Structure formats: C-alpha cells, structure tokens
Amino acid sequence: AFYKEEVDMNDSECAAAYRLTMNGYIRNQWPLSEVCAPQPLVGSKCHRPPGVLHLYFKLAAGLVMGRQVLGSLFLQPKLIWIESFSLAHVPTRIAFENAKGQEYLIMTVLRYPIDRIVAHFLAASSINLNFSEWVQANSLPAPRRGNDGKSKFWLELDNVYTKVLSGCCNKSNPTPNLIAAQNALDTIFDVVVIAEWLDSPATIAWLADQWLCFPHKQGIISTPRPNFSRSRRYRRSKDEARRAAIFSSSSNFTQIYASVFSDLTLRNQLDLSLYHIAAKRHRAAIQSKWWDENKSPLSLPPLPCTLNAPCWDHFSFPGTTPPM
C-alpha cells in the first residue's frame, strides 16, 4: 500500500477519511459518519479481518470497492491495493504471502471482459480515435507498454485476468494458462466477486456476514457507508463531452463496431471462460446462505451476453453502464 509512516493517522478513522498527496496521506475533512462504516459491536459474533489485500483489475469496480467499501471499513495501513502484471511477480508474491501470514482477507473482483474493455475506451482521456481505431492502436505487439510482460497491464485487451492470475503465458497451448488461473482463484483468494452482482442484496449480505462485518438487513444497508452502488469517476468536462459525443454520433454503438466486438470476443476466450467459472463460484457461495436466512429463492441480475440478458447493447445509451 502507498502508506507513509511519517504521516500521523488516527487509529479510529478509516482509510476513506484520508487522501493521498505527494507528502503522504492527509485528512480530507469529510464527516466520519459519511465516509467510515460503523465498527462491529462489542461482543458481536461478527469479526472483521485485521486487513485486506485486493488484487485490482482496472475498471473492474475499483472505485466502488476502494473508496466506498473497503476504504470505509479498514485503516489505511491495513488496506493493501495491488495492480500487478502477474502473480508470479516476486514483489506481488511476497505481498500475498505476507497478507496471508497476517490473516488478511484476500480478494478480487472480475467484470465481464468485453464490458471492461469498452469501459476502458470510454474512460480514456484526450484521444480522438473511434472505438475501432482505439482497439487497433492498443493491439500492437510488444514492446507496447503493458503488453511486454515487464510492466503492469495498464491497458491490456487480451485475456488480462488469465495472464495475471496464471503467472504464465504459454502461447502455443493456452489451456494450462486457464487451468492455472482457475487454480489461483480456488486456492489463493478467499473472496472472488462478480462486479455485475456487487450491489445485489445477496452479495452484500454474504460479504457482511461472512467476511467484512458491517450492519445490514437482508442485504440492505441503512448507513451511508459502505456503499455498493456503482458509480462513475467523473473526469474533466472535455472528457465528459467526448464521451457524450461518442454516443450522440453512434446511435447503435454495437452494430457499428460489430466486427470489433467479434474480434475481442475471440481474443478473450480464456477470460470469458474464467469469468463464468468465477460466476458459478460466486453464486454457489451465496445461494444456500440466502435461502437459509431468507427462505426465498436467490435472485441475481443476468450476466451480459447470457440467456435473456443484453449483449453489449446496454452501451447504446450514455450513462447506463458506466466505467467502474
């Protein structure tokens, strides 16, 4: 984590009460009741872990999980936020080992791979490329930054989940990469959340009761924080104008770029498989608990590009599926 020891932090104030500057973390002056979640009651059976390590994939609910959820529950030194190009990266592996040794919760969030790429395009600043041109410009072979195996995947369009989680990259036979990534999700991570189900009452109840310990009633939170609502990071006005112009000039975004979507789908078959494996794990983790406590069937929103669910056409209108 980017914590500087020389900065004096109050042990009763959560990470969200501070902001990072060149001199370290400083108090942001927001009321604690609006940014910090209530502490567990004395004698409660619910025990919050001593800390959390979150492996972050860009535009996969990072703003929600960082500022609105984990930042409101943990002190800054106890919140480890990692964006890495591989679990095999030595500093990354050491960070995971240290977190495990301190009994930190280890978690990640996966978003539908194609949606994550489109959201990355929409969040890009100061570019004058259409979607097809942007994909082409960021699909160049190594040594393009982020695609050479030596730097973080700031902008990776091909199977980023599998590449990071597998710790390997067998181009001639990608099947072992998928198996290794799936094994990492099963053995390394305590919690794997599907971004599209993050604000579901069943997910919130599961995270609250089993992992993060915060008050709720049937997955409904009455306090300002934590807040699982999906939100978009607002950028400079000219970038907002650019995003609006993309949609105003493209009445049907997905039809215009249908060939690009088909290409990205083929290029991300490993991540699509891994995403649906993780979705089955997420559903299985919360299904029995929800029934036992509420005596009602589990209801989750359909995932993108599945039966009775839209396939990318939810990008046709501004603001409906914002970058997370």
Protein backbone atom coordinates (compact mmCIF):
# COMPACT_ATOMS: atom_id res chain seq x y z
CA ALA A 1 0.00 0.00 0.00
CA PHE A 2 1.12 3.59 -0.55
CA TYR A 3 1.22 4.42 3.16
CA LYS A 4 3.91 6.68 4.63
CA GLU A 5 4.81 6.03 8.24
CA GLU A 6 5.66 9.65 8.98
CA VAL A 7 2.04 10.72 8.49
CA ASP A 8 0.12 10.68 11.77
CA MET A 9 -3.17 8.85 11.27
CA ASN A 10 -5.91 8.43 13.83
CA ASP A 11 -6.50 4.74 14.58
CA SER A 12 -10.24 5.33 14.77
CA GLU A 13 -10.52 6.85 11.29
CA CYS A 14 -10.91 4.67 8.22
CA ALA A 15 -8.85 4.92 5.04
CA ALA A 16 -11.62 6.84 3.26
CA ALA A 17 -11.10 9.73 5.71
CA TYR A 18 -7.75 10.45 4.06
CA ARG A 19 -6.48 11.34 0.60
CA LEU A 20 -3.09 10.69 -0.90
CA THR A 21 -0.82 13.66 -1.67
CA MET A 22 2.84 13.99 -2.56
CA ASN A 23 3.55 14.24 1.19
CA GLY A 24 1.55 11.16 2.12
CA TYR A 25 -1.99 10.77 3.42
CA ILE A 26 -3.75 13.82 4.82
CA ARG A 27 -7.19 14.21 6.41
CA ASN A 28 -9.83 15.15 3.83
CA GLN A 29 -12.10 16.92 6.36
CA TRP A 30 -15.20 14.91 5.45
CA PRO A 31 -17.51 13.93 8.36
CA LEU A 32 -16.54 10.45 9.56
CA SER A 33 -20.20 9.41 9.65
CA GLU A 34 -20.33 9.89 5.88
CA VAL A 35 -17.13 8.08 4.91
CA CYS A 36 -16.49 5.45 7.62
CA ALA A 37 -18.65 2.42 8.37
CA PRO A 38 -19.69 1.65 11.96
CA GLN A 39 -17.31 -0.58 13.90
CA PRO A 40 -18.54 -4.06 14.94
CA LEU A 41 -20.39 -4.05 18.24
CA VAL A 42 -18.52 -5.30 21.31
CA GLY A 43 -19.36 -8.96 21.85
CA SER A 44 -20.61 -9.38 18.30
CA LYS A 45 -20.17 -12.78 16.66
CA CYS A 46 -19.10 -10.94 13.53
CA HIS A 47 -15.34 -10.39 13.34
CA ARG A 48 -13.81 -8.13 10.73
CA PRO A 49 -10.45 -9.41 9.40
CA PRO A 50 -7.36 -7.48 10.53
CA GLY A 51 -6.80 -6.25 6.98
CA VAL A 52 -7.50 -6.92 3.33
CA LEU A 53 -5.46 -7.40 0.16
CA HIS A 54 -7.35 -6.56 -3.03
CA LEU A 55 -5.96 -7.55 -6.43
CA TYR A 56 -7.35 -4.86 -8.70
CA PHE A 57 -8.08 -5.09 -12.40
CA LYS A 58 -8.54 -1.69 -14.00
CA LEU A 59 -12.18 -0.70 -14.49
CA ALA A 60 -13.48 -3.68 -12.53
CA ALA A 61 -15.36 -1.92 -9.73
CA GLY A 62 -12.20 -0.34 -8.32
CA LEU A 63 -13.83 2.94 -7.33
CA VAL A 64 -16.69 1.16 -5.58
CA MET A 65 -14.53 -1.36 -3.75
CA GLY A 66 -11.74 1.05 -2.91
CA ARG A 67 -13.40 4.27 -1.81
CA GLN A 68 -16.95 3.21 -1.00
CA VAL A 69 -16.49 -0.23 0.58
CA LEU A 70 -13.02 -1.28 1.74
CA GLY A 71 -11.85 2.27 2.41
CA SER A 72 -14.77 2.80 4.75
CA LEU A 73 -14.08 -0.40 6.71
CA PHE A 74 -10.29 -0.53 7.16
CA LEU A 75 -7.48 1.72 8.31
CA GLN A 76 -5.14 2.79 5.52
CA PRO A 77 -2.14 0.67 6.68
CA LYS A 78 -4.42 -2.39 6.72
CA LEU A 79 -5.67 -1.93 3.16
CA ILE A 80 -3.33 -3.36 0.52
CA TRP A 81 -4.24 -2.47 -3.06
CA ILE A 82 -2.29 -4.31 -5.76
CA GLU A 83 -2.35 -3.89 -9.53
CA SER A 84 0.18 -6.35 -10.95
CA PHE A 85 1.04 -7.94 -14.28
CA SER A 86 1.41 -11.42 -12.76
CA LEU A 87 1.03 -13.35 -9.53
CA ALA A 88 4.45 -14.77 -10.37
CA HIS A 89 5.95 -11.28 -9.98
CA VAL A 90 8.21 -11.59 -6.93
CA PRO A 91 7.07 -8.44 -5.04
CA THR A 92 3.46 -9.41 -5.73
CA ARG A 93 4.02 -12.94 -4.46
CA ILE A 94 5.70 -11.63 -1.31
CA ALA A 95 2.83 -9.22 -0.67
CA PHE A 96 0.35 -12.10 -0.93
CA GLU A 97 2.42 -14.29 1.38
CA ASN A 98 2.71 -11.52 3.98
CA ALA A 99 -1.02 -10.80 3.82
CA LYS A 100 -1.82 -14.49 4.25
CA GLY A 101 0.56 -14.69 7.20
CA GLN A 102 -1.27 -11.81 8.91
CA GLU A 103 -4.65 -13.47 8.21
CA TYR A 104 -5.74 -10.68 5.89
CA LEU A 105 -8.70 -11.26 3.62
CA ILE A 106 -7.51 -11.79 0.03
CA MET A 107 -10.00 -10.84 -2.65
CA THR A 108 -10.55 -9.66 -6.20
CA VAL A 109 -13.40 -8.54 -8.45
CA LEU A 110 -13.94 -9.69 -12.03
CA ARG A 111 -16.03 -7.77 -14.55
CA TYR A 112 -17.37 -9.13 -17.85
CA PRO A 113 -14.21 -8.96 -20.01
CA ILE A 114 -15.66 -7.21 -23.06
CA ASP A 115 -17.52 -4.66 -20.93
CA ARG A 116 -14.29 -3.89 -19.09
CA ILE A 117 -12.54 -3.13 -22.39
CA VAL A 118 -15.33 -0.85 -23.59
CA ALA A 119 -15.33 0.94 -20.25
CA HIS A 120 -11.58 1.44 -20.63
CA PHE A 121 -12.17 3.07 -24.01
CA LEU A 122 -14.84 5.35 -22.57
CA ALA A 123 -12.59 6.34 -19.67
CA ALA A 124 -9.62 7.15 -21.92
CA SER A 125 -8.64 10.81 -21.79
CA SER A 126 -7.82 13.20 -24.60
CA ILE A 127 -7.91 10.85 -27.57
CA ASN A 128 -9.51 11.43 -30.95
CA LEU A 129 -9.93 7.81 -32.00
CA ASN A 130 -13.11 5.89 -32.57
CA PHE A 131 -13.54 2.50 -30.89
CA SER A 132 -12.11 0.50 -33.80
CA GLU A 133 -9.07 2.77 -34.09
CA TRP A 134 -8.51 2.68 -30.34
CA VAL A 135 -8.57 -1.13 -30.25
CA GLN A 136 -6.17 -1.31 -33.18
CA ALA A 137 -3.78 1.23 -31.63
CA ASN A 138 -3.70 -0.74 -28.38
CA SER A 139 -3.33 -4.14 -30.01
CA LEU A 140 0.19 -3.60 -31.28
CA PRO A 141 2.74 -6.30 -30.44
CA ALA A 142 5.49 -5.90 -27.86
CA PRO A 143 7.16 -3.68 -26.77
CA ARG A 144 3.89 -1.74 -26.36
CA ARG A 145 3.68 -0.73 -22.70
CA GLY A 146 1.68 -3.24 -20.71
CA ASN A 147 1.99 -5.96 -23.34
CA ASP A 148 5.64 -6.87 -22.96
CA GLY A 149 5.48 -8.86 -19.71
CA LYS A 150 7.69 -6.31 -17.97
CA SER A 151 5.20 -3.69 -16.80
CA LYS A 152 1.73 -3.50 -15.34
CA PHE A 153 -1.23 -4.19 -17.58
CA TRP A 154 -2.46 -0.61 -17.63
CA LEU A 155 -4.15 -1.30 -20.93
CA GLU A 156 -4.41 -4.93 -21.95
CA LEU A 157 -7.04 -6.13 -24.42
CA ASP A 158 -6.29 -9.87 -24.47
CA ASN A 159 -7.12 -12.18 -21.53
CA VAL A 160 -5.77 -9.93 -18.79
CA TYR A 161 -7.39 -11.98 -15.99
CA THR A 162 -5.80 -15.20 -17.21
CA LYS A 163 -2.40 -13.62 -17.78
CA VAL A 164 -2.25 -12.08 -14.31
CA LEU A 165 -3.74 -14.97 -12.34
CA SER A 166 -1.96 -17.83 -14.12
CA GLY A 167 1.52 -16.42 -13.63
CA CYS A 168 2.45 -17.92 -17.01
CA CYS A 169 1.92 -17.26 -20.68
CA ASN A 170 2.01 -20.39 -22.89
CA LYS A 171 1.04 -19.05 -26.32
CA SER A 172 1.29 -22.38 -28.14
CA ASN A 173 -1.09 -24.15 -25.74
CA PRO A 174 -3.20 -21.73 -23.68
CA THR A 175 -5.17 -24.42 -21.83
CA PRO A 176 -2.63 -24.71 -18.96
CA ASN A 177 -2.86 -20.93 -18.50
CA LEU A 178 -6.62 -21.16 -17.91
CA ILE A 179 -6.20 -24.11 -15.54
CA ALA A 180 -3.50 -22.25 -13.59
CA ALA A 181 -5.67 -19.12 -13.36
CA GLN A 182 -8.66 -21.13 -12.15
CA ASN A 183 -6.47 -22.87 -9.58
CA ALA A 184 -5.29 -19.46 -8.32
CA LEU A 185 -8.88 -18.30 -7.83
CA ASP A 186 -9.68 -21.51 -5.95
CA THR A 187 -6.62 -21.67 -3.70
CA ILE A 188 -5.27 -18.13 -3.21
CA PHE A 189 -8.36 -15.93 -2.95
CA ASP A 190 -10.83 -16.03 -0.08
CA VAL A 191 -13.35 -13.94 -1.99
CA VAL A 192 -13.94 -13.60 -5.73
CA VAL A 193 -16.79 -11.22 -6.56
CA ILE A 194 -18.54 -10.69 -9.88
CA ALA A 195 -18.76 -6.93 -10.49
CA GLU A 196 -22.24 -7.13 -12.04
CA TRP A 197 -23.54 -8.73 -8.83
CA LEU A 198 -21.64 -6.49 -6.42
CA ASP A 199 -24.65 -4.40 -5.39
CA SER A 200 -27.02 -7.37 -5.15
CA PRO A 201 -28.57 -7.77 -1.64
CA ALA A 202 -27.46 -11.41 -1.61
CA THR A 203 -23.84 -10.44 -2.32
CA ILE A 204 -23.93 -7.65 0.26
CA ALA A 205 -25.34 -9.97 2.93
CA TRP A 206 -22.70 -12.62 2.16
CA LEU A 207 -19.82 -10.13 2.34
CA ALA A 208 -21.22 -8.54 5.50
CA ASP A 209 -21.90 -11.70 7.50
CA GLN A 210 -19.07 -13.93 6.38
CA TRP A 211 -16.19 -11.61 5.54
CA LEU A 212 -16.33 -7.85 6.18
CA CYS A 213 -18.67 -7.48 9.18
CA PHE A 214 -20.96 -4.47 8.74
CA PRO A 215 -24.65 -3.98 9.63
CA HIS A 216 -27.41 -4.71 7.12
CA LYS A 217 -30.92 -6.14 6.94
CA GLN A 218 -31.42 -8.72 4.21
CA GLY A 219 -28.62 -7.11 2.22
CA ILE A 220 -29.94 -3.56 2.60
CA ILE A 221 -27.58 -1.08 4.27
CA SER A 222 -29.10 1.81 6.22
CA THR A 223 -25.82 3.64 6.93
CA PRO A 224 -24.02 5.89 4.40
CA ARG A 225 -21.05 3.51 4.27
CA PRO A 226 -20.19 1.02 3.00
CA ASN A 227 -21.90 1.87 -0.26
CA PHE A 228 -22.01 -0.75 -3.02
CA SER A 229 -23.78 1.42 -5.59
CA ARG A 230 -21.97 1.51 -8.91
CA SER A 231 -20.61 4.95 -9.65
CA ARG A 232 -18.54 6.56 -12.35
CA ARG A 233 -15.43 8.58 -11.75
CA TYR A 234 -16.21 11.98 -13.25
CA ARG A 235 -13.39 13.48 -15.21
CA ARG A 236 -12.69 16.84 -16.73
CA SER A 237 -15.53 18.46 -18.62
CA LYS A 238 -13.88 18.00 -22.02
CA ASP A 239 -13.56 14.26 -21.37
CA GLU A 240 -17.22 14.06 -20.38
CA ALA A 241 -18.07 15.93 -23.57
CA ARG A 242 -16.00 13.48 -25.60
CA ARG A 243 -17.83 10.53 -24.05
CA ALA A 244 -21.23 12.07 -24.79
CA ALA A 245 -20.17 12.78 -28.38
CA ILE A 246 -19.27 9.11 -28.91
CA PHE A 247 -22.84 8.10 -28.28
CA SER A 248 -24.56 11.04 -29.96
CA SER A 249 -22.71 10.26 -33.18
CA SER A 250 -23.24 6.50 -32.86
CA SER A 251 -26.92 5.72 -32.43
CA ASN A 252 -26.15 2.00 -32.21
CA PHE A 253 -22.63 1.57 -30.91
CA THR A 254 -22.53 -2.22 -31.04
CA GLN A 255 -23.89 -2.56 -34.56
CA ILE A 256 -21.39 -0.05 -35.92
CA TYR A 257 -18.50 -1.88 -34.29
CA ALA A 258 -19.90 -5.42 -34.54
CA SER A 259 -16.73 -6.76 -36.17
CA VAL A 260 -14.60 -5.26 -33.38
CA PHE A 261 -16.76 -6.92 -30.73
CA SER A 262 -16.49 -10.26 -32.54
CA ASP A 263 -12.71 -9.91 -32.69
CA LEU A 264 -12.44 -9.03 -29.00
CA THR A 265 -14.66 -11.99 -28.11
CA LEU A 266 -12.38 -14.38 -29.96
CA ARG A 267 -9.29 -12.82 -28.40
CA ASN A 268 -10.67 -13.12 -24.87
CA GLN A 269 -11.97 -16.70 -24.84
CA LEU A 270 -9.80 -17.62 -21.84
CA ASP A 271 -11.04 -14.68 -19.78
CA LEU A 272 -14.65 -15.35 -20.77
CA SER A 273 -14.29 -18.94 -19.55
CA LEU A 274 -12.61 -17.83 -16.33
CA TYR A 275 -15.27 -15.17 -15.73
CA HIS A 276 -18.11 -17.70 -15.98
CA ILE A 277 -16.25 -20.15 -13.73
CA ALA A 278 -15.91 -17.36 -11.16
CA ALA A 279 -19.60 -16.51 -11.56
CA LYS A 280 -20.56 -20.10 -10.71
CA ARG A 281 -18.35 -19.89 -7.62
CA HIS A 282 -19.91 -16.56 -6.58
CA ARG A 283 -23.45 -17.92 -7.00
CA ALA A 284 -22.67 -21.13 -5.12
CA ALA A 285 -21.12 -19.17 -2.23
CA ILE A 286 -24.22 -17.08 -1.61
CA GLN A 287 -27.08 -19.35 -2.72
CA SER A 288 -27.51 -21.65 0.29
CA LYS A 289 -26.86 -18.86 2.79
CA TRP A 290 -29.52 -16.65 1.21
CA TRP A 291 -32.11 -19.45 1.29
CA ASP A 292 -31.32 -20.45 4.88
CA GLU A 293 -31.71 -16.91 6.16
CA ASN A 294 -34.49 -15.53 3.95
CA LYS A 295 -36.44 -18.59 2.78
CA SER A 296 -36.68 -17.10 -0.68
CA PRO A 297 -35.02 -18.02 -3.99
CA LEU A 298 -31.80 -16.28 -4.88
CA SER A 299 -32.31 -13.56 -7.46
CA LEU A 300 -29.32 -12.13 -9.31
CA PRO A 301 -29.25 -9.93 -12.43
CA PRO A 302 -28.47 -11.84 -15.63
CA LEU A 303 -24.87 -11.56 -16.72
CA PRO A 304 -24.00 -9.83 -20.01
CA CYS A 305 -24.31 -11.98 -23.13
CA THR A 306 -26.17 -14.81 -21.36
CA LEU A 307 -29.70 -16.08 -21.84
CA ASN A 308 -32.28 -13.26 -21.50
CA ALA A 309 -29.51 -10.70 -20.98
CA PRO A 310 -28.34 -7.91 -23.29
CA CYS A 311 -25.11 -8.45 -25.15
CA TRP A 312 -23.24 -5.13 -25.24
CA ASP A 313 -26.26 -3.15 -26.48
CA HIS A 314 -26.52 -1.62 -22.99
CA PHE A 315 -23.70 0.65 -24.18
CA SER A 316 -26.02 2.28 -26.72
CA PHE A 317 -27.14 4.98 -24.31
CA PRO A 318 -24.86 7.22 -22.24
CA GLY A 319 -24.67 6.54 -18.55
CA THR A 320 -26.44 3.18 -18.49
CA THR A 321 -23.32 1.11 -17.82
CA PRO A 322 -20.62 3.47 -16.54
CA PRO A 323 -16.98 2.55 -16.14
CA MET A 324 -16.38 1.26 -12.60
